[in-house]
């Protein structure tokens, strides 16, 4: 369980909460969705879903902040630059 608990951007129906929990537990996301739907009977499931939605970060934010900040490069600042030297 080395995967951080985050909302998924690639396995989501609404906000990615169930997909993130499923990825963390290494189970099928439809199992987690079924558990949330089954929890609608108790009334706690909608509250738990909203709390998870607010508390869990989006996975792209975690991976972006975990990596080193990108340094500006000539290629990123000037996409047309291909490394040719300009004669002056």
PDB file of N, CA and C in Angstrom:
ATOM      1  N   UNK A   1       0.823  -1.197   0.000  1.00  0.00           N
ATOM      2  CA  UNK A   1       0.000   0.000   0.000  1.00  0.00           C
ATOM      3  C   UNK A   1       0.865   1.258   0.000  1.00  0.00           C
ATOM      4  N   UNK A   2       1.739   1.350  -0.948  1.00  0.00           N
ATOM      5  CA  UNK A   2       2.583   2.529  -1.055  1.00  0.00           C
ATOM      6  C   UNK A   2       1.917   3.643  -1.841  1.00  0.00           C
ATOM      7  N   UNK A   3       0.745   3.363  -2.420  1.00  0.00           N
ATOM      8  CA  UNK A   3       0.042   4.353  -3.213  1.00  0.00           C
ATOM      9  C   UNK A   3      -0.610   5.375  -2.291  1.00  0.00           C
ATOM     10  N   UNK A   4      -0.404   6.670  -2.535  1.00  0.00           N
ATOM     11  CA  UNK A   4      -1.060   7.669  -1.693  1.00  0.00           C
ATOM     12  C   UNK A   4      -2.562   7.694  -1.938  1.00  0.00           C
ATOM     13  N   UNK A   5      -3.300   8.105  -0.931  1.00  0.00           N
ATOM     14  CA  UNK A   5      -4.752   8.197  -1.042  1.00  0.00           C
ATOM     15  C   UNK A   5      -5.104   9.509  -1.732  1.00  0.00           C
ATOM     16  N   UNK A   6      -5.380   9.421  -3.025  1.00  0.00           N
ATOM     17  CA  UNK A   6      -5.730  10.598  -3.818  1.00  0.00           C
ATOM     18  C   UNK A   6      -6.928  10.285  -4.691  1.00  0.00           C
ATOM     19  N   UNK A   7      -7.603  11.336  -5.165  1.00  0.00           N
ATOM     20  CA  UNK A   7      -8.686  11.149  -6.129  1.00  0.00           C
ATOM     21  C   UNK A   7      -8.063  10.908  -7.498  1.00  0.00           C
ATOM     22  N   UNK A   8      -8.623   9.957  -8.227  1.00  0.00           N
ATOM     23  CA  UNK A   8      -8.057   9.637  -9.533  1.00  0.00           C
ATOM     24  C   UNK A   8      -8.615  10.556 -10.610  1.00  0.00           C
ATOM     25  N   UNK A   9      -7.799  10.773 -11.613  1.00  0.00           N
ATOM     26  CA  UNK A   9      -8.272  11.543 -12.764  1.00  0.00           C
ATOM     27  C   UNK A   9      -8.578  10.624 -13.939  1.00  0.00           C
ATOM     28  N   UNK A  10      -8.119   9.378 -13.866  1.00  0.00           N
ATOM     29  CA  UNK A  10      -8.335   8.460 -14.985  1.00  0.00           C
ATOM     30  C   UNK A  10      -9.409   7.403 -14.701  1.00  0.00           C
ATOM     31  N   UNK A  11      -9.837   7.238 -13.453  1.00  0.00           N
ATOM     32  CA  UNK A  11     -10.862   6.253 -13.110  1.00  0.00           C
ATOM     33  C   UNK A  11     -11.922   6.944 -12.254  1.00  0.00           C
ATOM     34  N   UNK A  12     -12.675   7.834 -12.885  1.00  0.00           N
ATOM     35  CA  UNK A  12     -13.670   8.586 -12.123  1.00  0.00           C
ATOM     36  C   UNK A  12     -14.998   8.600 -12.848  1.00  0.00           C
ATOM     37  N   UNK A  13     -16.056   8.582 -12.056  1.00  0.00           N
ATOM     38  CA  UNK A  13     -17.398   8.796 -12.595  1.00  0.00           C
ATOM     39  C   UNK A  13     -17.899  10.181 -12.190  1.00  0.00           C
ATOM     40  N   UNK A  14     -17.701  10.533 -10.925  1.00  0.00           N
ATOM     41  CA  UNK A  14     -18.075  11.868 -10.461  1.00  0.00           C
ATOM     42  C   UNK A  14     -16.832  12.695 -10.148  1.00  0.00           C
ATOM     43  N   UNK A  15     -16.170  12.342  -9.049  1.00  0.00           N
ATOM     44  CA  UNK A  15     -15.019  13.141  -8.633  1.00  0.00           C
ATOM     45  C   UNK A  15     -13.737  12.344  -8.472  1.00  0.00           C
ATOM     46  N   UNK A  16     -13.782  11.024  -8.611  1.00  0.00           N
ATOM     47  CA  UNK A  16     -12.596  10.198  -8.494  1.00  0.00           C
ATOM     48  C   UNK A  16     -12.336   9.654  -7.109  1.00  0.00           C
ATOM     49  N   UNK A  17     -13.269   9.858  -6.164  1.00  0.00           N
ATOM     50  CA  UNK A  17     -13.085   9.385  -4.796  1.00  0.00           C
ATOM     51  C   UNK A  17     -13.043   7.861  -4.757  1.00  0.00           C
ATOM     52  N   UNK A  18     -14.032   7.199  -5.337  1.00  0.00           N
ATOM     53  CA  UNK A  18     -14.083   5.727  -5.303  1.00  0.00           C
ATOM     54  C   UNK A  18     -12.902   5.122  -6.045  1.00  0.00           C
ATOM     55  N   UNK A  19     -12.502   5.706  -7.152  1.00  0.00           N
ATOM     56  CA  UNK A  19     -11.342   5.224  -7.885  1.00  0.00           C
ATOM     57  C   UNK A  19     -10.065   5.350  -7.079  1.00  0.00           C
ATOM     58  N   UNK A  20      -9.941   6.441  -6.333  1.00  0.00           N
ATOM     59  CA  UNK A  20      -8.760   6.634  -5.485  1.00  0.00           C
ATOM     60  C   UNK A  20      -8.708   5.661  -4.333  1.00  0.00           C
ATOM     61  N   UNK A  21      -9.860   5.419  -3.697  1.00  0.00           N
ATOM     62  CA  UNK A  21      -9.907   4.453  -2.603  1.00  0.00           C
ATOM     63  C   UNK A  21      -9.611   3.059  -3.130  1.00  0.00           C
ATOM     64  N   UNK A  22     -10.171   2.734  -4.287  1.00  0.00           N
ATOM     65  CA  UNK A  22      -9.926   1.410  -4.884  1.00  0.00           C
ATOM     66  C   UNK A  22      -8.463   1.232  -5.240  1.00  0.00           C
ATOM     67  N   UNK A  23      -7.833   2.250  -5.775  1.00  0.00           N
ATOM     68  CA  UNK A  23      -6.415   2.144  -6.132  1.00  0.00           C
ATOM     69  C   UNK A  23      -5.574   1.963  -4.872  1.00  0.00           C
ATOM     70  N   UNK A  24      -5.930   2.676  -3.810  1.00  0.00           N
ATOM     71  CA  UNK A  24      -5.197   2.555  -2.542  1.00  0.00           C
ATOM     72  C   UNK A  24      -5.333   1.151  -1.950  1.00  0.00           C
ATOM     73  N   UNK A  25      -6.558   0.567  -2.027  1.00  0.00           N
ATOM     74  CA  UNK A  25      -6.805  -0.759  -1.467  1.00  0.00           C
ATOM     75  C   UNK A  25      -6.482  -1.886  -2.444  1.00  0.00           C
ATOM     76  N   UNK A  26      -6.143  -1.524  -3.675  1.00  0.00           N
ATOM     77  CA  UNK A  26      -5.816  -2.480  -4.734  1.00  0.00           C
ATOM     78  C   UNK A  26      -6.993  -3.421  -5.025  1.00  0.00           C
ATOM     79  N   UNK A  27      -8.179  -2.827  -5.175  1.00  0.00           N
ATOM     80  CA  UNK A  27      -9.383  -3.571  -5.548  1.00  0.00           C
ATOM     81  C   UNK A  27     -10.023  -2.880  -6.747  1.00  0.00           C
ATOM     82  N   UNK A  28     -11.007  -3.524  -7.329  1.00  0.00           N
ATOM     83  CA  UNK A  28     -11.730  -2.950  -8.449  1.00  0.00           C
ATOM     84  C   UNK A  28     -12.546  -1.749  -7.968  1.00  0.00           C
ATOM     85  N   UNK A  29     -12.553  -0.684  -8.723  1.00  0.00           N
ATOM     86  CA  UNK A  29     -13.266   0.520  -8.301  1.00  0.00           C
ATOM     87  C   UNK A  29     -14.779   0.310  -8.255  1.00  0.00           C
ATOM     88  N   UNK A  30     -15.293  -0.639  -9.033  1.00  0.00           N
ATOM     89  CA  UNK A  30     -16.732  -0.910  -8.987  1.00  0.00           C
ATOM     90  C   UNK A  30     -17.144  -1.522  -7.650  1.00  0.00           C
ATOM     91  N   UNK A  31     -16.239  -2.219  -6.989  1.00  0.00           N
ATOM     92  CA  UNK A  31     -16.523  -2.758  -5.656  1.00  0.00           C
ATOM     93  C   UNK A  31     -16.702  -1.615  -4.661  1.00  0.00           C
ATOM     94  N   UNK A  32     -15.835  -0.618  -4.735  1.00  0.00           N
ATOM     95  CA  UNK A  32     -15.936   0.529  -3.834  1.00  0.00           C
ATOM     96  C   UNK A  32     -17.195   1.336  -4.155  1.00  0.00           C
ATOM     97  N   UNK A  33     -17.493   1.493  -5.430  1.00  0.00           N
ATOM     98  CA  UNK A  33     -18.721   2.205  -5.810  1.00  0.00           C
ATOM     99  C   UNK A  33     -19.956   1.484  -5.285  1.00  0.00           C
ATOM    100  N   UNK A  34     -19.962   0.147  -5.376  1.00  0.00           N
ATOM    101  CA  UNK A  34     -21.093  -0.637  -4.868  1.00  0.00           C
ATOM    102  C   UNK A  34     -21.222  -0.471  -3.353  1.00  0.00           C
ATOM    103  N   UNK A  35     -20.092  -0.405  -2.661  1.00  0.00           N
ATOM    104  CA  UNK A  35     -20.137  -0.194  -1.207  1.00  0.00           C
ATOM    105  C   UNK A  35     -20.722   1.174  -0.873  1.00  0.00           C
ATOM    106  N   UNK A  36     -20.351   2.196  -1.639  1.00  0.00           N
ATOM    107  CA  UNK A  36     -20.919   3.521  -1.404  1.00  0.00           C
ATOM    108  C   UNK A  36     -22.416   3.534  -1.711  1.00  0.00           C
ATOM    109  N   UNK A  37     -22.822   2.867  -2.758  1.00  0.00           N
ATOM    110  CA  UNK A  37     -24.249   2.797  -3.093  1.00  0.00           C
ATOM    111  C   UNK A  37     -24.992   2.024  -2.019  1.00  0.00           C
ATOM    112  N   UNK A  38     -24.401   0.938  -1.530  1.00  0.00           N
ATOM    113  CA  UNK A  38     -25.007   0.187  -0.429  1.00  0.00           C
ATOM    114  C   UNK A  38     -25.095   1.011   0.842  1.00  0.00           C
ATOM    115  N   UNK A  39     -24.163   1.911   1.026  1.00  0.00           N
ATOM    116  CA  UNK A  39     -24.171   2.783   2.198  1.00  0.00           C
ATOM    117  C   UNK A  39     -25.216   3.878   2.136  1.00  0.00           C
ATOM    118  N   UNK A  40     -25.840   4.065   0.984  1.00  0.00           N
ATOM    119  CA  UNK A  40     -26.913   5.057   0.887  1.00  0.00           C
ATOM    120  C   UNK A  40     -28.071   4.728   1.818  1.00  0.00           C
ATOM    121  N   UNK A  41     -28.247   3.452   2.121  1.00  0.00           N
ATOM    122  CA  UNK A  41     -29.333   3.023   3.003  1.00  0.00           C
ATOM    123  C   UNK A  41     -29.132   3.602   4.401  1.00  0.00           C
ATOM    124  N   UNK A  42     -27.899   3.642   4.875  1.00  0.00           N
ATOM    125  CA  UNK A  42     -27.622   4.146   6.222  1.00  0.00           C
ATOM    126  C   UNK A  42     -27.606   5.665   6.274  1.00  0.00           C
ATOM    127  N   UNK A  43     -27.366   6.298   5.158  1.00  0.00           N
ATOM    128  CA  UNK A  43     -27.312   7.755   5.134  1.00  0.00           C
ATOM    129  C   UNK A  43     -25.932   8.310   5.390  1.00  0.00           C
ATOM    130  N   UNK A  44     -24.976   7.474   5.761  1.00  0.00           N
ATOM    131  CA  UNK A  44     -23.614   7.946   6.017  1.00  0.00           C
ATOM    132  C   UNK A  44     -22.779   8.061   4.754  1.00  0.00           C
ATOM    133  N   UNK A  45     -23.153   7.321   3.744  1.00  0.00           N
ATOM    134  CA  UNK A  45     -22.369   7.294   2.516  1.00  0.00           C
ATOM    135  C   UNK A  45     -22.257   8.661   1.834  1.00  0.00           C
ATOM    136  N   UNK A  46     -23.352   9.417   1.686  1.00  0.00           N
ATOM    137  CA  UNK A  46     -23.189  10.736   1.048  1.00  0.00           C
ATOM    138  C   UNK A  46     -22.292  11.669   1.843  1.00  0.00           C
ATOM    139  N   UNK A  47     -22.409  11.628   3.168  1.00  0.00           N
ATOM    140  CA  UNK A  47     -21.562  12.468   4.008  1.00  0.00           C
ATOM    141  C   UNK A  47     -20.098  12.045   3.886  1.00  0.00           C
ATOM    142  N   UNK A  48     -19.848  10.736   3.921  1.00  0.00           N
ATOM    143  CA  UNK A  48     -18.477  10.233   3.792  1.00  0.00           C
ATOM    144  C   UNK A  48     -17.891  10.589   2.428  1.00  0.00           C
ATOM    145  N   UNK A  49     -18.717  10.520   1.386  1.00  0.00           N
ATOM    146  CA  UNK A  49     -18.245  10.836   0.034  1.00  0.00           C
ATOM    147  C   UNK A  49     -17.839  12.303  -0.060  1.00  0.00           C
ATOM    148  N   UNK A  50     -18.653  13.186   0.490  1.00  0.00           N
ATOM    149  CA  UNK A  50     -18.349  14.619   0.438  1.00  0.00           C
ATOM    150  C   UNK A  50     -17.096  14.922   1.254  1.00  0.00           C
ATOM    151  N   UNK A  51     -16.950  14.302   2.411  1.00  0.00           N
ATOM    152  CA  UNK A  51     -15.752  14.515   3.232  1.00  0.00           C
ATOM    153  C   UNK A  51     -14.510  14.036   2.484  1.00  0.00           C
ATOM    154  N   UNK A  52     -14.599  12.863   1.866  1.00  0.00           N
ATOM    155  CA  UNK A  52     -13.465  12.352   1.086  1.00  0.00           C
ATOM    156  C   UNK A  52     -13.160  13.253  -0.107  1.00  0.00           C
ATOM    157  N   UNK A  53     -14.188  13.752  -0.751  1.00  0.00           N
ATOM    158  CA  UNK A  53     -14.004  14.636  -1.901  1.00  0.00           C
ATOM    159  C   UNK A  53     -13.236  15.890  -1.502  1.00  0.00           C
ATOM    160  N   UNK A  54     -13.566  16.427  -0.338  1.00  0.00           N
ATOM    161  CA  UNK A  54     -12.903  17.644   0.126  1.00  0.00           C
ATOM    162  C   UNK A  54     -11.497  17.337   0.636  1.00  0.00           C
ATOM    163  N   UNK A  55     -11.339  16.220   1.355  1.00  0.00           N
ATOM    164  CA  UNK A  55     -10.073  15.930   2.026  1.00  0.00           C
ATOM    165  C   UNK A  55      -9.014  15.316   1.117  1.00  0.00           C
ATOM    166  N   UNK A  56      -9.434  14.555   0.109  1.00  0.00           N
ATOM    167  CA  UNK A  56      -8.464  13.859  -0.741  1.00  0.00           C
ATOM    168  C   UNK A  56      -7.967  14.772  -1.857  1.00  0.00           C
ATOM    169  N   UNK A  57      -6.656  14.913  -2.003  1.00  0.00           N
ATOM    170  CA  UNK A  57      -6.145  15.734  -3.106  1.00  0.00           C
ATOM    171  C   UNK A  57      -6.272  14.997  -4.433  1.00  0.00           C
ATOM    172  N   UNK A  58      -6.314  15.748  -5.512  1.00  0.00           N
ATOM    173  CA  UNK A  58      -6.342  15.170  -6.859  1.00  0.00           C
ATOM    174  C   UNK A  58      -4.964  14.594  -7.157  1.00  0.00           C
ATOM    175  N   UNK A  59      -4.906  13.451  -7.834  1.00  0.00           N
ATOM    176  CA  UNK A  59      -3.627  12.773  -8.040  1.00  0.00           C
ATOM    177  C   UNK A  59      -2.633  13.595  -8.843  1.00  0.00           C
ATOM    178  N   UNK A  60      -3.074  14.401  -9.773  1.00  0.00           N
ATOM    179  CA  UNK A  60      -2.131  15.190 -10.558  1.00  0.00           C
ATOM    180  C   UNK A  60      -1.475  16.279  -9.719  1.00  0.00           C
ATOM    181  N   UNK A  61      -2.176  16.780  -8.696  1.00  0.00           N
ATOM    182  CA  UNK A  61      -1.572  17.768  -7.809  1.00  0.00           C
ATOM    183  C   UNK A  61      -0.480  17.149  -6.964  1.00  0.00           C
ATOM    184  N   UNK A  62      -0.687  15.925  -6.519  1.00  0.00           N
ATOM    185  CA  UNK A  62       0.308  15.246  -5.687  1.00  0.00           C
ATOM    186  C   UNK A  62       1.548  14.938  -6.502  1.00  0.00           C
ATOM    187  N   UNK A  63       1.384  14.398  -7.701  1.00  0.00           N
ATOM    188  CA  UNK A  63       2.552  14.059  -8.513  1.00  0.00           C
ATOM    189  C   UNK A  63       3.291  15.305  -8.972  1.00  0.00           C
ATOM    190  N   UNK A  64       2.560  16.383  -9.234  1.00  0.00           N
ATOM    191  CA  UNK A  64       3.214  17.604  -9.675  1.00  0.00           C
ATOM    192  C   UNK A  64       3.996  18.226  -8.526  1.00  0.00           C
ATOM    193  N   UNK A  65       3.426  18.258  -7.308  1.00  0.00           N
ATOM    194  CA  UNK A  65       4.114  18.881  -6.189  1.00  0.00           C
ATOM    195  C   UNK A  65       5.221  17.990  -5.644  1.00  0.00           C
ATOM    196  N   UNK A  66       5.120  16.664  -5.844  1.00  0.00           N
ATOM    197  CA  UNK A  66       6.159  15.762  -5.350  1.00  0.00           C
ATOM    198  C   UNK A  66       7.422  15.846  -6.190  1.00  0.00           C
ATOM    199  N   UNK A  67       7.270  16.142  -7.466  1.00  0.00           N
ATOM    200  CA  UNK A  67       8.451  16.268  -8.305  1.00  0.00           C
ATOM    201  C   UNK A  67       9.069  17.642  -8.091  1.00  0.00           C
ATOM    202  N   UNK A  68      10.295  17.762  -8.514  1.00  0.00           N
ATOM    203  CA  UNK A  68      10.950  19.050  -8.382  1.00  0.00           C
ATOM    204  C   UNK A  68      10.277  20.062  -9.295  1.00  0.00           C
ATOM    205  N   UNK A  69      10.228  21.307  -8.868  1.00  0.00           N
ATOM    206  CA  UNK A  69       9.618  22.314  -9.736  1.00  0.00           C
ATOM    207  C   UNK A  69      10.354  22.405 -11.063  1.00  0.00           C
ATOM    208  N   UNK A  70       9.596  22.566 -12.106  1.00  0.00           N
ATOM    209  CA  UNK A  70      10.201  22.631 -13.432  1.00  0.00           C
ATOM    210  C   UNK A  70      10.930  23.954 -13.619  1.00  0.00           C
ATOM    211  N   UNK A  71      12.148  23.854 -14.097  1.00  0.00           N
ATOM    212  CA  UNK A  71      12.932  25.039 -14.375  1.00  0.00           C
ATOM    213  C   UNK A  71      12.640  25.484 -15.807  1.00  0.00           C
ATOM    214  N   UNK A  72      12.539  26.773 -16.037  1.00  0.00           N
ATOM    215  CA  UNK A  72      12.289  27.224 -17.406  1.00  0.00           C
ATOM    216  C   UNK A  72      13.480  26.891 -18.299  1.00  0.00           C
ATOM    217  N   UNK A  73      13.197  26.393 -19.468  1.00  0.00           N
ATOM    218  CA  UNK A  73      14.240  26.106 -20.441  1.00  0.00           C
ATOM    219  C   UNK A  73      13.928  26.886 -21.711  1.00  0.00           C
ATOM    220  N   UNK A  74      14.909  26.979 -22.569  1.00  0.00           N
ATOM    221  CA  UNK A  74      14.727  27.703 -23.819  1.00  0.00           C
ATOM    222  C   UNK A  74      13.637  27.039 -24.645  1.00  0.00           C
ATOM    223  N   UNK A  75      13.638  25.696 -24.673  1.00  0.00           N
ATOM    224  CA  UNK A  75      12.646  24.983 -25.463  1.00  0.00           C
ATOM    225  C   UNK A  75      11.227  25.215 -24.935  1.00  0.00           C
ATOM    226  N   UNK A  76      11.075  25.303 -23.602  1.00  0.00           N
ATOM    227  CA  UNK A  76       9.756  25.524 -23.026  1.00  0.00           C
ATOM    228  C   UNK A  76       9.317  26.982 -23.204  1.00  0.00           C
ATOM    229  N   UNK A  77      10.272  27.910 -23.115  1.00  0.00           N
ATOM    230  CA  UNK A  77       9.923  29.322 -23.257  1.00  0.00           C
ATOM    231  C   UNK A  77       9.677  29.684 -24.715  1.00  0.00           C
ATOM    232  N   UNK A  78      10.426  29.068 -25.622  1.00  0.00           N
ATOM    233  CA  UNK A  78      10.309  29.344 -27.046  1.00  0.00           C
ATOM    234  C   UNK A  78      10.144  28.011 -27.776  1.00  0.00           C
ATOM    235  N   UNK A  79       8.919  27.519 -27.928  1.00  0.00           N
ATOM    236  CA  UNK A  79       8.701  26.188 -28.499  1.00  0.00           C
ATOM    237  C   UNK A  79       9.269  26.013 -29.900  1.00  0.00           C
ATOM    238  N   UNK A  80       9.398  27.065 -30.673  1.00  0.00           N
ATOM    239  CA  UNK A  80       9.897  26.933 -32.038  1.00  0.00           C
ATOM    240  C   UNK A  80      11.414  26.733 -32.074  1.00  0.00           C
ATOM    241  N   UNK A  81      12.090  26.997 -30.964  1.00  0.00           N
ATOM    242  CA  UNK A  81      13.549  26.862 -30.917  1.00  0.00           C
ATOM    243  C   UNK A  81      13.925  25.397 -31.006  1.00  0.00           C
ATOM    244  N   UNK A  82      14.774  25.052 -31.960  1.00  0.00           N
ATOM    245  CA  UNK A  82      15.183  23.677 -32.158  1.00  0.00           C
ATOM    246  C   UNK A  82      16.687  23.475 -31.952  1.00  0.00           C
ATOM    247  N   UNK A  83      17.358  24.445 -31.382  1.00  0.00           N
ATOM    248  CA  UNK A  83      18.777  24.301 -31.093  1.00  0.00           C
ATOM    249  C   UNK A  83      19.697  24.840 -32.185  1.00  0.00           C
ATOM    250  N   UNK A  84      19.158  25.518 -33.193  1.00  0.00           N
ATOM    251  CA  UNK A  84      20.001  26.072 -34.239  1.00  0.00           C
ATOM    252  C   UNK A  84      20.671  27.336 -33.730  1.00  0.00           C
ATOM    253  N   UNK A  85      21.881  27.504 -34.150  1.00  0.00           N
ATOM    254  CA  UNK A  85      22.600  28.710 -33.808  1.00  0.00           C
ATOM    255  C   UNK A  85      22.235  29.809 -34.808  1.00  0.00           C
ATOM    256  N   UNK A  86      22.016  30.993 -34.298  1.00  0.00           N
ATOM    257  CA  UNK A  86      21.658  32.118 -35.153  1.00  0.00           C
ATOM    258  C   UNK A  86      22.925  32.909 -35.441  1.00  0.00           C
ATOM    259  N   UNK A  87      23.187  33.100 -36.723  1.00  0.00           N
ATOM    260  CA  UNK A  87      24.342  33.905 -37.134  1.00  0.00           C
ATOM    261  C   UNK A  87      24.000  35.374 -36.963  1.00  0.00           C
ATOM    262  N   UNK A  88      24.943  36.122 -36.360  1.00  0.00           N
ATOM    263  CA  UNK A  88      24.680  37.557 -36.242  1.00  0.00           C
ATOM    264  C   UNK A  88      25.640  38.370 -37.032  1.00  0.00           C
TER     265      UNK A  88
END
